[in-house]
PDB file of all heavy atoms in Angstrom:
ATOM      1  N   PRO A   1      74.764 148.134-151.903  1.00  0.00           N
ATOM      2  CA  PRO A   1      74.807 148.547-150.504  1.00  0.00           C
ATOM      3  C   PRO A   1      73.460 148.250-149.773  1.00  0.00           C
ATOM      4  O   PRO A   1      72.386 148.287-150.420  1.00  0.00           O
ATOM      5  CB  PRO A   1      75.007 150.019-150.640  1.00  0.00           C
ATOM      6  CG  PRO A   1      74.538 150.414-151.994  1.00  0.00           C
ATOM      7  CD  PRO A   1      74.774 149.262-152.859  1.00  0.00           C
ATOM      8  N   ALA A   2      73.530 147.990-148.486  1.00  0.00           N
ATOM      9  CA  ALA A   2      72.307 147.607-147.762  1.00  0.00           C
ATOM     10  C   ALA A   2      72.457 148.227-146.327  1.00  0.00           C
ATOM     11  O   ALA A   2      73.504 148.552-145.932  1.00  0.00           O
ATOM     12  CB  ALA A   2      72.217 146.036-147.638  1.00  0.00           C
ATOM     13  N   ASN A   3      71.269 148.297-145.675  1.00  0.00           N
ATOM     14  CA  ASN A   3      71.181 148.937-144.377  1.00  0.00           C
ATOM     15  C   ASN A   3      70.667 147.798-143.463  1.00  0.00           C
ATOM     16  O   ASN A   3      69.554 147.308-143.581  1.00  0.00           O
ATOM     17  CB  ASN A   3      70.221 150.031-144.395  1.00  0.00           C
ATOM     18  CG  ASN A   3      70.113 150.790-143.106  1.00  0.00           C
ATOM     19  OD1 ASN A   3      70.848 150.345-142.101  1.00  0.00           O
ATOM     20  ND2 ASN A   3      69.293 151.687-142.884  1.00  0.00           N
ATOM     21  N   PHE A   4      71.534 147.406-142.481  1.00  0.00           N
ATOM     22  CA  PHE A   4      71.191 146.335-141.513  1.00  0.00           C
ATOM     23  C   PHE A   4      70.775 146.875-140.232  1.00  0.00           C
ATOM     24  O   PHE A   4      70.523 146.072-139.288  1.00  0.00           O
ATOM     25  CB  PHE A   4      72.373 145.296-141.438  1.00  0.00           C
ATOM     26  CG  PHE A   4      72.639 144.593-142.672  1.00  0.00           C
ATOM     27  CD1 PHE A   4      73.617 145.138-143.489  1.00  0.00           C
ATOM     28  CD2 PHE A   4      72.037 143.416-143.020  1.00  0.00           C
ATOM     29  CE1 PHE A   4      73.932 144.529-144.751  1.00  0.00           C
ATOM     30  CE2 PHE A   4      72.370 142.810-144.195  1.00  0.00           C
ATOM     31  CZ  PHE A   4      73.321 143.226-145.094  1.00  0.00           C
ATOM     32  N   SER A   5      70.623 148.096-140.067  1.00  0.00           N
ATOM     33  CA  SER A   5      70.349 148.743-138.766  1.00  0.00           C
ATOM     34  C   SER A   5      69.002 148.296-138.241  1.00  0.00           C
ATOM     35  O   SER A   5      68.649 148.275-137.043  1.00  0.00           O
ATOM     36  CB  SER A   5      70.416 150.301-138.810  1.00  0.00           C
ATOM     37  OG  SER A   5      69.457 150.770-139.666  1.00  0.00           O
ATOM     38  N   GLN A   6      67.992 147.983-139.138  1.00  0.00           N
ATOM     39  CA  GLN A   6      66.681 147.692-138.752  1.00  0.00           C
ATOM     40  C   GLN A   6      66.471 146.145-138.582  1.00  0.00           C
ATOM     41  O   GLN A   6      65.342 145.591-138.231  1.00  0.00           O
ATOM     42  CB  GLN A   6      65.658 148.127-139.778  1.00  0.00           C
ATOM     43  CG  GLN A   6      65.693 149.671-139.937  1.00  0.00           C
ATOM     44  CD  GLN A   6      65.517 150.449-138.669  1.00  0.00           C
ATOM     45  OE1 GLN A   6      64.612 150.162-137.889  1.00  0.00           O
ATOM     46  NE2 GLN A   6      66.426 151.434-138.399  1.00  0.00           N
ATOM     47  N   LEU A   7      67.523 145.369-138.888  1.00  0.00           N
ATOM     48  CA  LEU A   7      67.339 143.889-138.852  1.00  0.00           C
ATOM     49  C   LEU A   7      67.867 143.455-137.496  1.00  0.00           C
ATOM     50  O   LEU A   7      68.826 144.081-136.913  1.00  0.00           O
ATOM     51  CB  LEU A   7      68.201 143.285-139.981  1.00  0.00           C
ATOM     52  CG  LEU A   7      67.585 143.457-141.369  1.00  0.00           C
ATOM     53  CD1 LEU A   7      68.457 142.793-142.420  1.00  0.00           C
ATOM     54  CD2 LEU A   7      66.127 142.925-141.461  1.00  0.00           C
ATOM     55  N   PRO A   8      67.504 142.298-136.944  1.00  0.00           N
ATOM     56  CA  PRO A   8      68.044 141.679-135.768  1.00  0.00           C
ATOM     57  C   PRO A   8      69.619 141.501-135.858  1.00  0.00           C
ATOM     58  O   PRO A   8      70.103 141.236-136.934  1.00  0.00           O
ATOM     59  CB  PRO A   8      67.355 140.329-135.694  1.00  0.00           C
ATOM     60  CG  PRO A   8      66.088 140.504-136.420  1.00  0.00           C
ATOM     61  CD  PRO A   8      66.456 141.414-137.601  1.00  0.00           C
ATOM     62  N   ASP A   9      70.215 141.644-134.676  1.00  0.00           N
ATOM     63  CA  ASP A   9      71.676 141.538-134.638  1.00  0.00           C
ATOM     64  C   ASP A   9      71.991 140.089-134.224  1.00  0.00           C
ATOM     65  O   ASP A   9      71.720 139.553-133.209  1.00  0.00           O
ATOM     66  CB  ASP A   9      72.280 142.424-133.604  1.00  0.00           C
ATOM     67  CG  ASP A   9      73.799 142.382-133.491  1.00  0.00           C
ATOM     68  OD1 ASP A   9      74.420 141.527-134.192  1.00  0.00           O
ATOM     69  OD2 ASP A   9      74.402 143.149-132.770  1.00  0.00           O
ATOM     70  N   LEU A  10      72.451 139.327-135.330  1.00  0.00           N
ATOM     71  CA  LEU A  10      72.687 137.902-135.107  1.00  0.00           C
ATOM     72  C   LEU A  10      73.868 137.586-134.259  1.00  0.00           C
ATOM     73  O   LEU A  10      74.027 136.474-133.867  1.00  0.00           O
ATOM     74  CB  LEU A  10      72.853 137.211-136.466  1.00  0.00           C
ATOM     75  CG  LEU A  10      71.676 137.385-137.435  1.00  0.00           C
ATOM     76  CD1 LEU A  10      71.912 136.544-138.719  1.00  0.00           C
ATOM     77  CD2 LEU A  10      70.295 137.000-136.770  1.00  0.00           C
ATOM     78  N   ARG A  11      74.603 138.634-133.853  1.00  0.00           N
ATOM     79  CA  ARG A  11      75.701 138.309-132.920  1.00  0.00           C
ATOM     80  C   ARG A  11      75.177 138.128-131.482  1.00  0.00           C
ATOM     81  O   ARG A  11      75.810 137.582-130.622  1.00  0.00           O
ATOM     82  CB  ARG A  11      76.667 139.501-132.915  1.00  0.00           C
ATOM     83  CG  ARG A  11      77.450 139.638-134.186  1.00  0.00           C
ATOM     84  CD  ARG A  11      78.252 140.925-134.246  1.00  0.00           C
ATOM     85  NE  ARG A  11      77.320 142.106-134.350  1.00  0.00           N
ATOM     86  CZ  ARG A  11      77.656 143.353-134.364  1.00  0.00           C
ATOM     87  NH1 ARG A  11      78.942 143.659-134.377  1.00  0.00           N
ATOM     88  NH2 ARG A  11      76.836 144.338-134.494  1.00  0.00           N
ATOM     89  N   GLN A  12      73.903 138.601-131.244  1.00  0.00           N
ATOM     90  CA  GLN A  12      73.312 138.377-129.990  1.00  0.00           C
ATOM     91  C   GLN A  12      72.630 137.015-129.910  1.00  0.00           C
ATOM     92  O   GLN A  12      72.314 136.401-130.993  1.00  0.00           O
ATOM     93  CB  GLN A  12      72.209 139.503-129.797  1.00  0.00           C
ATOM     94  CG  GLN A  12      72.770 140.921-129.814  1.00  0.00           C
ATOM     95  CD  GLN A  12      73.842 141.136-128.773  1.00  0.00           C
ATOM     96  OE1 GLN A  12      73.668 140.714-127.665  1.00  0.00           O
ATOM     97  NE2 GLN A  12      74.938 141.823-129.174  1.00  0.00           N
ATOM     98  N   ARG A  13      72.256 136.544-128.675  1.00  0.00           N
ATOM     99  CA  ARG A  13      71.642 135.262-128.555  1.00  0.00           C
ATOM    100  C   ARG A  13      70.265 135.357-129.052  1.00  0.00           C
ATOM    101  O   ARG A  13      69.549 136.335-128.934  1.00  0.00           O
ATOM    102  CB  ARG A  13      71.705 134.869-127.011  1.00  0.00           C
ATOM    103  CG  ARG A  13      73.034 134.398-126.629  1.00  0.00           C
ATOM    104  CD  ARG A  13      73.330 132.924-127.074  1.00  0.00           C
ATOM    105  NE  ARG A  13      74.714 132.579-127.024  1.00  0.00           N
ATOM    106  CZ  ARG A  13      75.304 132.096-125.851  1.00  0.00           C
ATOM    107  NH1 ARG A  13      74.615 132.016-124.804  1.00  0.00           N
ATOM    108  NH2 ARG A  13      76.561 131.770-125.951  1.00  0.00           N
ATOM    109  N   GLY A  14      69.679 134.222-129.545  1.00  0.00           N
ATOM    110  CA  GLY A  14      68.331 134.043-129.977  1.00  0.00           C
ATOM    111  C   GLY A  14      67.387 133.908-128.872  1.00  0.00           C
ATOM    112  O   GLY A  14      67.670 134.003-127.717  1.00  0.00           O
ATOM    113  N   SER A  15      66.138 133.542-129.210  1.00  0.00           N
ATOM    114  CA  SER A  15      65.082 133.460-128.241  1.00  0.00           C
ATOM    115  C   SER A  15      64.916 132.106-127.583  1.00  0.00           C
ATOM    116  O   SER A  15      64.072 131.975-126.647  1.00  0.00           O
ATOM    117  CB  SER A  15      63.752 133.829-128.955  1.00  0.00           C
ATOM    118  OG  SER A  15      63.386 132.882-129.981  1.00  0.00           O
ATOM    119  N   PHE A  16      65.676 131.171-127.959  1.00  0.00           N
ATOM    120  CA  PHE A  16      65.548 129.794-127.429  1.00  0.00           C
ATOM    121  C   PHE A  16      66.518 129.646-126.263  1.00  0.00           C
ATOM    122  O   PHE A  16      67.637 130.186-126.257  1.00  0.00           O
ATOM    123  CB  PHE A  16      65.866 128.675-128.407  1.00  0.00           C
ATOM    124  CG  PHE A  16      64.738 128.542-129.467  1.00  0.00           C
ATOM    125  CD1 PHE A  16      64.647 129.367-130.532  1.00  0.00           C
ATOM    126  CD2 PHE A  16      63.833 127.457-129.371  1.00  0.00           C
ATOM    127  CE1 PHE A  16      63.672 129.159-131.546  1.00  0.00           C
ATOM    128  CE2 PHE A  16      62.787 127.319-130.250  1.00  0.00           C
ATOM    129  CZ  PHE A  16      62.763 128.172-131.342  1.00  0.00           C
ATOM    130  N   THR A  17      66.141 128.877-125.206  1.00  0.00           N
ATOM    131  CA  THR A  17      67.044 128.252-124.296  1.00  0.00           C
ATOM    132  C   THR A  17      67.403 126.915-124.688  1.00  0.00           C
ATOM    133  O   THR A  17      66.906 126.421-125.789  1.00  0.00           O
ATOM    134  CB  THR A  17      66.405 128.260-122.875  1.00  0.00           C
ATOM    135  OG1 THR A  17      65.270 127.452-122.893  1.00  0.00           O
ATOM    136  CG2 THR A  17      66.081 129.658-122.374  1.00  0.00           C
ATOM    137  N   TRP A  18      68.183 126.179-123.915  1.00  0.00           N
ATOM    138  CA  TRP A  18      68.620 124.811-124.367  1.00  0.00           C
ATOM    139  C   TRP A  18      68.971 124.014-123.112  1.00  0.00           C
ATOM    140  O   TRP A  18      69.184 124.535-122.051  1.00  0.00           O
ATOM    141  CB  TRP A  18      69.790 124.891-125.279  1.00  0.00           C
ATOM    142  CG  TRP A  18      71.112 125.474-124.621  1.00  0.00           C
ATOM    143  CD1 TRP A  18      71.962 124.796-123.877  1.00  0.00           C
ATOM    144  CD2 TRP A  18      71.474 126.840-124.677  1.00  0.00           C
ATOM    145  NE1 TRP A  18      72.940 125.568-123.528  1.00  0.00           N
ATOM    146  CE2 TRP A  18      72.674 126.958-123.951  1.00  0.00           C
ATOM    147  CE3 TRP A  18      70.962 127.980-125.231  1.00  0.00           C
ATOM    148  CZ2 TRP A  18      73.380 128.044-123.754  1.00  0.00           C
ATOM    149  CZ3 TRP A  18      71.631 129.167-125.113  1.00  0.00           C
ATOM    150  CH2 TRP A  18      72.801 129.233-124.303  1.00  0.00           C
ATOM    151  N   THR A  19      69.019 122.751-123.312  1.00  0.00           N
ATOM    152  CA  THR A  19      69.480 121.770-122.338  1.00  0.00           C
ATOM    153  C   THR A  19      70.660 121.001-123.064  1.00  0.00           C
ATOM    154  O   THR A  19      70.451 120.548-124.111  1.00  0.00           O
ATOM    155  CB  THR A  19      68.354 120.857-121.882  1.00  0.00           C
ATOM    156  OG1 THR A  19      67.462 121.639-121.124  1.00  0.00           O
ATOM    157  CG2 THR A  19      68.989 119.794-120.889  1.00  0.00           C
ATOM    158  N   LYS A  20      71.658 120.798-122.292  1.00  0.00           N
ATOM    159  CA  LYS A  20      72.734 119.992-122.841  1.00  0.00           C
ATOM    160  C   LYS A  20      72.914 118.636-122.169  1.00  0.00           C
ATOM    161  O   LYS A  20      72.710 118.529-120.937  1.00  0.00           O
ATOM    162  CB  LYS A  20      74.128 120.748-122.596  1.00  0.00           C
ATOM    163  CG  LYS A  20      75.313 120.066-123.282  1.00  0.00           C
ATOM    164  CD  LYS A  20      76.645 120.800-122.995  1.00  0.00           C
ATOM    165  CE  LYS A  20      77.210 120.344-121.618  1.00  0.00           C
ATOM    166  NZ  LYS A  20      78.581 120.867-121.460  1.00  0.00           N
ATOM    167  N   ARG A  21      73.033 117.642-122.930  1.00  0.00           N
ATOM    168  CA  ARG A  21      73.204 116.293-122.413  1.00  0.00           C
ATOM    169  C   ARG A  21      74.434 115.704-123.168  1.00  0.00           C
ATOM    170  O   ARG A  21      74.817 116.073-124.216  1.00  0.00           O
ATOM    171  CB  ARG A  21      71.999 115.361-122.625  1.00  0.00           C
ATOM    172  CG  ARG A  21      71.605 115.074-124.100  1.00  0.00           C
ATOM    173  CD  ARG A  21      70.367 114.230-124.127  1.00  0.00           C
ATOM    174  NE  ARG A  21      69.265 114.848-123.429  1.00  0.00           N
ATOM    175  CZ  ARG A  21      68.224 114.162-123.020  1.00  0.00           C
ATOM    176  NH1 ARG A  21      68.127 112.889-123.333  1.00  0.00           N
ATOM    177  NH2 ARG A  21      67.193 114.785-122.470  1.00  0.00           N
ATOM    178  N   THR A  22      75.085 114.629-122.596  1.00  0.00           N
ATOM    179  CA  THR A  22      76.202 113.973-123.169  1.00  0.00           C
ATOM    180  C   THR A  22      75.803 112.587-123.564  1.00  0.00           C
ATOM    181  O   THR A  22      75.258 111.839-122.716  1.00  0.00           O
ATOM    182  CB  THR A  22      77.357 113.998-122.139  1.00  0.00           C
ATOM    183  OG1 THR A  22      77.832 115.287-121.962  1.00  0.00           O
ATOM    184  CG2 THR A  22      78.566 113.223-122.799  1.00  0.00           C
ATOM    185  N   LEU A  23      76.012 112.260-124.785  1.00  0.00           N
ATOM    186  CA  LEU A  23      75.706 110.920-125.339  1.00  0.00           C
ATOM    187  C   LEU A  23      77.035 110.083-125.247  1.00  0.00           C
ATOM    188  O   LEU A  23      78.014 110.537-125.696  1.00  0.00           O
ATOM    189  CB  LEU A  23      75.193 110.979-126.679  1.00  0.00           C
ATOM    190  CG  LEU A  23      74.040 111.955-126.942  1.00  0.00           C
ATOM    191  CD1 LEU A  23      73.672 111.897-128.449  1.00  0.00           C
ATOM    192  CD2 LEU A  23      72.768 111.464-126.173  1.00  0.00           C
ATOM    193  N   GLU A  24      76.837 108.780-124.715  1.00  0.00           N
ATOM    194  CA  GLU A  24      77.979 107.945-124.816  1.00  0.00           C
ATOM    195  C   GLU A  24      77.699 106.888-125.885  1.00  0.00           C
ATOM    196  O   GLU A  24      76.687 106.107-125.812  1.00  0.00           O
ATOM    197  CB  GLU A  24      78.133 107.178-123.469  1.00  0.00           C
ATOM    198  CG  GLU A  24      78.526 108.282-122.304  1.00  0.00           C
ATOM    199  CD  GLU A  24      78.584 107.591-120.962  1.00  0.00           C
ATOM    200  OE1 GLU A  24      78.311 106.382-120.885  1.00  0.00           O
ATOM    201  OE2 GLU A  24      78.969 108.358-120.018  1.00  0.00           O
ATOM    202  N   LEU A  25      78.499 106.872-126.828  1.00  0.00           N
ATOM    203  CA  LEU A  25      78.289 106.064-128.161  1.00  0.00           C
ATOM    204  C   LEU A  25      79.290 105.028-128.271  1.00  0.00           C
ATOM    205  O   LEU A  25      80.506 105.187-127.905  1.00  0.00           O
ATOM    206  CB  LEU A  25      78.258 106.996-129.290  1.00  0.00           C
ATOM    207  CG  LEU A  25      77.430 108.367-129.166  1.00  0.00           C
ATOM    208  CD1 LEU A  25      77.582 109.220-130.375  1.00  0.00           C
ATOM    209  CD2 LEU A  25      75.999 107.916-129.099  1.00  0.00           C
ATOM    210  N   TYR A  26      78.857 103.957-128.939  1.00  0.00           N
ATOM    211  CA  TYR A  26      79.751 102.826-129.287  1.00  0.00           C
ATOM    212  C   TYR A  26      79.321 102.168-130.627  1.00  0.00           C
ATOM    213  O   TYR A  26      78.170 101.637-130.711  1.00  0.00           O
ATOM    214  CB  TYR A  26      79.835 101.742-128.183  1.00  0.00           C
ATOM    215  CG  TYR A  26      80.691 100.536-128.604  1.00  0.00           C
ATOM    216  CD1 TYR A  26      81.991 100.724-128.842  1.00  0.00           C
ATOM    217  CD2 TYR A  26      80.073  99.275-128.698  1.00  0.00           C
ATOM    218  CE1 TYR A  26      82.790  99.662-129.185  1.00  0.00           C
ATOM    219  CE2 TYR A  26      80.857  98.232-129.110  1.00  0.00           C
ATOM    220  CZ  TYR A  26      82.247  98.435-129.403  1.00  0.00           C
ATOM    221  OH  TYR A  26      83.085  97.302-129.707  1.00  0.00           O
ATOM    222  N   ASP A  27      80.133 102.359-131.638  1.00  0.00           N
ATOM    223  CA  ASP A  27      79.837 101.873-132.973  1.00  0.00           C
ATOM    224  C   ASP A  27      80.484 100.468-133.144  1.00  0.00           C
ATOM    225  O   ASP A  27      81.767 100.367-133.234  1.00  0.00           O
ATOM    226  CB  ASP A  27      80.302 102.790-133.997  1.00  0.00           C
ATOM    227  CG  ASP A  27      79.924 102.288-135.446  1.00  0.00           C
ATOM    228  OD1 ASP A  27      79.412 101.194-135.571  1.00  0.00           O
ATOM    229  OD2 ASP A  27      80.110 103.057-136.366  1.00  0.00           O
ATOM    230  N   ARG A  28      79.796  99.370-132.959  1.00  0.00           N
ATOM    231  CA  ARG A  28      80.311  98.074-132.963  1.00  0.00           C
ATOM    232  C   ARG A  28      81.008  97.741-134.272  1.00  0.00           C
ATOM    233  O   ARG A  28      81.990  96.967-134.416  1.00  0.00           O
ATOM    234  CB  ARG A  28      79.282  97.033-132.667  1.00  0.00           C
ATOM    235  CG  ARG A  28      78.806  97.016-131.234  1.00  0.00           C
ATOM    236  CD  ARG A  28      77.678  96.106-131.046  1.00  0.00           C
ATOM    237  NE  ARG A  28      77.243  95.919-129.671  1.00  0.00           N
ATOM    238  CZ  ARG A  28      76.110  95.466-129.251  1.00  0.00           C
ATOM    239  NH1 ARG A  28      75.203  94.997-130.152  1.00  0.00           N
ATOM    240  NH2 ARG A  28      75.776  95.358-127.961  1.00  0.00           N
ATOM    241  N   SER A  29      80.447  98.235-135.353  1.00  0.00           N
ATOM    242  CA  SER A  29      80.963  97.918-136.667  1.00  0.00           C
ATOM    243  C   SER A  29      82.395  98.381-136.899  1.00  0.00           C
ATOM    244  O   SER A  29      83.151  97.875-137.624  1.00  0.00           O
ATOM    245  CB  SER A  29      80.059  98.564-137.802  1.00  0.00           C
ATOM    246  OG  SER A  29      80.186  99.956-137.790  1.00  0.00           O
TER     247      SER A  29
END
């Protein structure tokens, strides 16, 4: 048995923000 009440709740968002970009790819092979 363990107690997780003192540990961070990983269901919540972390400390980083992010930027999303879209890559357009073409594999010639």
